[in-house]
Amino acid sequence: MSADEDGYTGTATLVVDGTEFAVEVELRGHFQPIDGYYHWYGRVAANETLHELLGGRKKAAEIRTPEGTALGELSEPDPWGRYRVLGTSTPPFSVPKSLAEI
């Protein structure tokens, strides 16, 4: 992770269509000065039940970590069944104060 990126790796809860999934995630983020927003993204570890619900389709989701909660979108499972997750604005993890003030 570079000095201008933040992140979280660990357990999380995904809420999709009212169903909660306990998952492992790797999340990263950065402030984008061009549009003025904080962008966060990452992957959700393979989860067969989640894959059965999504079937490879995009879906809105709430993601909760011990550090925060945010709304995002799940999409694009990779060949290993890990769904991509992304969002804009407040991430579901702590951001260093210096970046939060930008």
C-alpha atoms as a PDB file:
ATOM      1  CA  MET A   1       0.000   0.000   0.000  1.00  0.00           C
ATOM      2  CA  SER A   2       1.434   3.381  -0.933  1.00  0.00           C
ATOM      3  CA  ALA A   3       1.637   6.344   1.425  1.00  0.00           C
ATOM      4  CA  ASP A   4      -1.439   7.950  -0.142  1.00  0.00           C
ATOM      5  CA  GLU A   5      -3.622   4.823   0.161  1.00  0.00           C
ATOM      6  CA  ASP A   6      -5.546   3.561   3.176  1.00  0.00           C
ATOM      7  CA  GLY A   7      -7.178   0.242   3.819  1.00  0.00           C
ATOM      8  CA  TYR A   8      -8.583  -2.564   5.877  1.00  0.00           C
ATOM      9  CA  THR A   9      -8.046  -6.332   5.761  1.00  0.00           C
ATOM     10  CA  GLY A  10     -10.144  -8.601   7.952  1.00  0.00           C
ATOM     11  CA  THR A  11     -13.647  -9.680   8.836  1.00  0.00           C
ATOM     12  CA  ALA A  12     -16.725  -7.840   7.630  1.00  0.00           C
ATOM     13  CA  THR A  13     -20.457  -8.260   7.313  1.00  0.00           C
ATOM     14  CA  LEU A  14     -22.116  -7.746   3.936  1.00  0.00           C
ATOM     15  CA  VAL A  15     -25.837  -7.035   3.777  1.00  0.00           C
ATOM     16  CA  VAL A  16     -27.316  -7.836   0.371  1.00  0.00           C
ATOM     17  CA  ASP A  17     -31.086  -7.856  -0.194  1.00  0.00           C
ATOM     18  CA  GLY A  18     -31.604  -8.034   3.576  1.00  0.00           C
ATOM     19  CA  THR A  19     -29.349 -11.085   4.005  1.00  0.00           C
ATOM     20  CA  GLU A  20     -26.182 -10.836   6.109  1.00  0.00           C
ATOM     21  CA  PHE A  21     -22.982 -12.602   5.095  1.00  0.00           C
ATOM     22  CA  ALA A  22     -19.908 -12.967   7.321  1.00  0.00           C
ATOM     23  CA  VAL A  23     -16.950 -12.485   4.965  1.00  0.00           C
ATOM     24  CA  GLU A  24     -13.261 -11.649   4.782  1.00  0.00           C
ATOM     25  CA  VAL A  25     -12.331  -8.525   2.819  1.00  0.00           C
ATOM     26  CA  GLU A  26      -9.308  -6.634   1.527  1.00  0.00           C
ATOM     27  CA  LEU A  27     -10.156  -2.961   1.050  1.00  0.00           C
ATOM     28  CA  ARG A  28      -8.123   0.037  -0.081  1.00  0.00           C
ATOM     29  CA  GLY A  29      -8.908   3.656  -0.821  1.00  0.00           C
ATOM     30  CA  HIS A  30      -7.617   7.046  -1.828  1.00  0.00           C
ATOM     31  CA  PHE A  31      -8.736  10.633  -2.179  1.00  0.00           C
ATOM     32  CA  GLN A  32      -9.199  11.624  -5.827  1.00  0.00           C
ATOM     33  CA  PRO A  33      -8.524  15.363  -6.191  1.00  0.00           C
ATOM     34  CA  ILE A  34      -9.959  15.451  -9.718  1.00  0.00           C
ATOM     35  CA  ASP A  35     -13.517  14.754  -8.545  1.00  0.00           C
ATOM     36  CA  GLY A  36     -13.062  15.655  -4.860  1.00  0.00           C
ATOM     37  CA  TYR A  37     -14.243  12.271  -3.528  1.00  0.00           C
ATOM     38  CA  TYR A  38     -12.706   9.473  -1.525  1.00  0.00           C
ATOM     39  CA  HIS A  39     -12.850   6.225  -3.555  1.00  0.00           C
ATOM     40  CA  TRP A  40     -12.596   2.835  -1.830  1.00  0.00           C
ATOM     41  CA  TYR A  41     -12.498  -0.625  -3.402  1.00  0.00           C
ATOM     42  CA  GLY A  42     -11.355  -4.180  -2.853  1.00  0.00           C
ATOM     43  CA  ARG A  43     -12.303  -7.849  -2.948  1.00  0.00           C
ATOM     44  CA  VAL A  44     -14.554 -10.075  -0.860  1.00  0.00           C
ATOM     45  CA  ALA A  45     -13.168 -13.577  -0.230  1.00  0.00           C
ATOM     46  CA  ALA A  46     -15.022 -16.343  -2.064  1.00  0.00           C
ATOM     47  CA  ASN A  47     -18.335 -17.180  -0.403  1.00  0.00           C
ATOM     48  CA  GLU A  48     -20.539 -19.824  -2.043  1.00  0.00           C
ATOM     49  CA  THR A  49     -23.802 -18.568  -0.489  1.00  0.00           C
ATOM     50  CA  LEU A  50     -23.088 -15.004  -1.635  1.00  0.00           C
ATOM     51  CA  HIS A  51     -22.263 -16.283  -5.122  1.00  0.00           C
ATOM     52  CA  GLU A  52     -25.536 -18.226  -5.238  1.00  0.00           C
ATOM     53  CA  LEU A  53     -27.450 -15.018  -4.442  1.00  0.00           C
ATOM     54  CA  LEU A  54     -25.545 -12.781  -6.863  1.00  0.00           C
ATOM     55  CA  GLY A  55     -24.893 -15.211  -9.692  1.00  0.00           C
ATOM     56  CA  GLY A  56     -22.215 -12.895 -11.103  1.00  0.00           C
ATOM     57  CA  ARG A  57     -24.554  -9.863 -11.213  1.00  0.00           C
ATOM     58  CA  LYS A  58     -23.942  -6.399  -9.775  1.00  0.00           C
ATOM     59  CA  LYS A  59     -25.721  -5.667  -6.530  1.00  0.00           C
ATOM     60  CA  ALA A  60     -25.862  -2.849  -3.998  1.00  0.00           C
ATOM     61  CA  ALA A  61     -24.584  -3.833  -0.561  1.00  0.00           C
ATOM     62  CA  GLU A  62     -23.913  -2.464   2.872  1.00  0.00           C
ATOM     63  CA  ILE A  63     -20.497  -3.401   4.223  1.00  0.00           C
ATOM     64  CA  ARG A  64     -19.738  -3.305   7.931  1.00  0.00           C
ATOM     65  CA  THR A  65     -16.302  -3.621   9.502  1.00  0.00           C
ATOM     66  CA  PRO A  66     -15.253  -2.993  13.109  1.00  0.00           C
ATOM     67  CA  GLU A  67     -14.100   0.437  11.852  1.00  0.00           C
ATOM     68  CA  GLY A  68     -17.277   1.610  10.078  1.00  0.00           C
ATOM     69  CA  THR A  69     -20.201   1.022   7.754  1.00  0.00           C
ATOM     70  CA  ALA A  70     -20.722   2.133   4.150  1.00  0.00           C
ATOM     71  CA  LEU A  71     -22.867   1.522   1.108  1.00  0.00           C
ATOM     72  CA  GLY A  72     -21.161   0.146  -1.972  1.00  0.00           C
ATOM     73  CA  GLU A  73     -21.589  -2.084  -4.990  1.00  0.00           C
ATOM     74  CA  LEU A  74     -20.561  -5.692  -5.529  1.00  0.00           C
ATOM     75  CA  SER A  75     -19.578  -6.694  -9.057  1.00  0.00           C
ATOM     76  CA  GLU A  76     -17.196  -8.655 -11.253  1.00  0.00           C
ATOM     77  CA  PRO A  77     -16.335 -11.943  -9.576  1.00  0.00           C
ATOM     78  CA  ASP A  78     -12.803 -12.971 -10.498  1.00  0.00           C
ATOM     79  CA  PRO A  79     -11.872 -16.537 -11.555  1.00  0.00           C
ATOM     80  CA  TRP A  80     -11.482 -17.458  -7.856  1.00  0.00           C
ATOM     81  CA  GLY A  81     -15.017 -16.328  -6.953  1.00  0.00           C
ATOM     82  CA  ARG A  82     -13.964 -13.140  -5.147  1.00  0.00           C
ATOM     83  CA  TYR A  83     -16.412 -10.297  -5.800  1.00  0.00           C
ATOM     84  CA  ARG A  84     -15.136  -6.769  -6.348  1.00  0.00           C
ATOM     85  CA  VAL A  85     -16.592  -4.159  -3.991  1.00  0.00           C
ATOM     86  CA  LEU A  86     -16.387  -0.409  -4.502  1.00  0.00           C
ATOM     87  CA  GLY A  87     -17.803   2.791  -3.173  1.00  0.00           C
ATOM     88  CA  THR A  88     -17.397   6.544  -3.100  1.00  0.00           C
ATOM     89  CA  SER A  89     -17.246   8.852  -0.090  1.00  0.00           C
ATOM     90  CA  THR A  90     -16.993   7.621   3.512  1.00  0.00           C
ATOM     91  CA  PRO A  91     -15.390   4.135   3.525  1.00  0.00           C
ATOM     92  CA  PRO A  92     -16.122   1.287   5.966  1.00  0.00           C
ATOM     93  CA  PHE A  93     -12.679   1.726   7.533  1.00  0.00           C
ATOM     94  CA  SER A  94     -10.735   4.456   9.311  1.00  0.00           C
ATOM     95  CA  VAL A  95      -8.980   7.088   7.243  1.00  0.00           C
ATOM     96  CA  PRO A  96      -6.018   9.044   8.640  1.00  0.00           C
ATOM     97  CA  LYS A  97      -7.142  12.461   9.865  1.00  0.00           C
ATOM     98  CA  SER A  98      -4.867  14.243   7.391  1.00  0.00           C
ATOM     99  CA  LEU A  99      -6.734  12.629   4.477  1.00  0.00           C
ATOM    100  CA  ALA A 100     -10.154  13.103   6.045  1.00  0.00           C
ATOM    101  CA  GLU A 101      -9.538  16.870   6.136  1.00  0.00           C
ATOM    102  CA  ILE A 102      -8.816  17.139   2.405  1.00  0.00           C
END
